[in-house]
Amino acid sequence: MFGYRVPAPDEAMLISGGRRGLGGAPFRVVTGHGKFVLPVFRKTRFLTLSMCEAEVTETCVTRQGISLHVRAVIAFKVGNDHESIINAGQRFLSDQEQMSVLTGRIFAGHLRAIIGSMTVEEIVTERQKLAAEVLDTSKTEMAKIGLIVDSLQIQSIDDGDTGYIDAMSAPHKAAIQRQAQIAQAQATQASVEAEQAAARKQAEYARQTAIVKAEYSAEVDRAEAEAAQAGPLAQAHAQQEVLAAQTELAQRQAKLRQQQLVAEVVKPAEAEAERVRILAAAEAQRMKIQAEAAASYDRVALDRMLIDQLPQIVKEAAGGLAGANVNVLNGADGLGEIAAGLVSQGLTILDSVRQNLNGQDTDGRRPEESRGDGLIQLPASKGAGREKKSDDGPVDVD
């Protein structure tokens, strides 16, 4: 549109002409948007807000009096606020290249002043400190002309032909060289040790390989020897098994023969001996029974003889009482008691005779040979002189 102007993103549009809206400023500042500008009545100019660079190469004298050639680079720009744009526009709008020249001169002065208060060692070892001090001292002066410094870099420091910096760095160089030599020696030693270790490992590997080969060879030889001996060993084992089987067969045959001998000879002999023993025992038992039977027969005969003579014994006993004076005190009962006593005495005599005969059997005489006349003498009656009481009255026995 005719009369409408728009500044670039890195530019500030300065509109001069007219008095309304200036607020005491010589021109109106427009950034970031367009503005309708009346032609003929208003005049428009543009001020760059982009980054600018200024290079400083200056010979400075240190506190020690040593001259140093210092090269530095300054990065700066116009400030974004209206005051900075107005200040820069009033100073550099017609010749904006002068910003770099003026900035270089300003920093050259501050650089000489700061280096003059420092030693070479401080300048060399503390470059950031040098840059920070230069920035601090130049900040106020740069703000007055509407510029701000983004960075200051010390590019190089050279003492020319004096050799001070080289002399200052000589101990460090020597130490570095010494460290380098030590490092080289250590690296060489480590390399030699690594080679020796590799050689040892290689020798160990060769030894292990030789041992393994020898073991394999020994196993192969042993396997071949075992294979060669397998046939004879198998034949020997077979013969040994045959001998063992024959031995076992012979033992079984001997055991069978022993059992046959036991069955054919020992058992019949034992049976015959047992039969003879049983026959002898039976014969002895038979003879014993016969002897006992004969002895029993003699006793039976003796008892029968005694029983046959018992009446005679009783008669003799009664005859012994014939001449006795017997008084029967209780009548018929008293006579019965006397008769019973005579019989009892006869039986007692019979028992006594039997015992005497049994005692005399050992001399070989028979019982009937103990008396010459075959009669037994009875003892005198023990009933003489007793008195028996009877129902009919007393009976006197003399």
Foldseek 3Di string as FASTA:
>chain_A
DPQKDADDQQKWKWKAADDPPCVPARTDIDHDGIDRHDPPRIDIAIDGFDKDKAKEWDWAAALVRFIKTWIKMWIKGFDPDPVLVSLQCVPDRVPVVVVRVVVRVLLRVLLNVLRHHHDPVCCVVPVVVSFVSSQVVCQVVQVNSRMHIPGMGTDDMGRPPPCPVVVVCVVVVVVVVVVVVVVVVVVVVVVVVVVVVVVVVVVVVVVVVVVVVVVVVVVVVVVVVCVVCVVVVVVVVVVVVVVVVVVVVVVVVVVVVVVVCCVPPVVVVVVVVVVVVVVVVVVVVVVVVVVVVVVVVLLVVVVVLLVVCLVVQLVVQVVLLVPWAKWAAAPPVSVVVVSVVSSVQSVVVVVVLSVVQVVVVVVPDRSQVPDDPSHDDGDHDPCAQDWHHHPVGTTGID
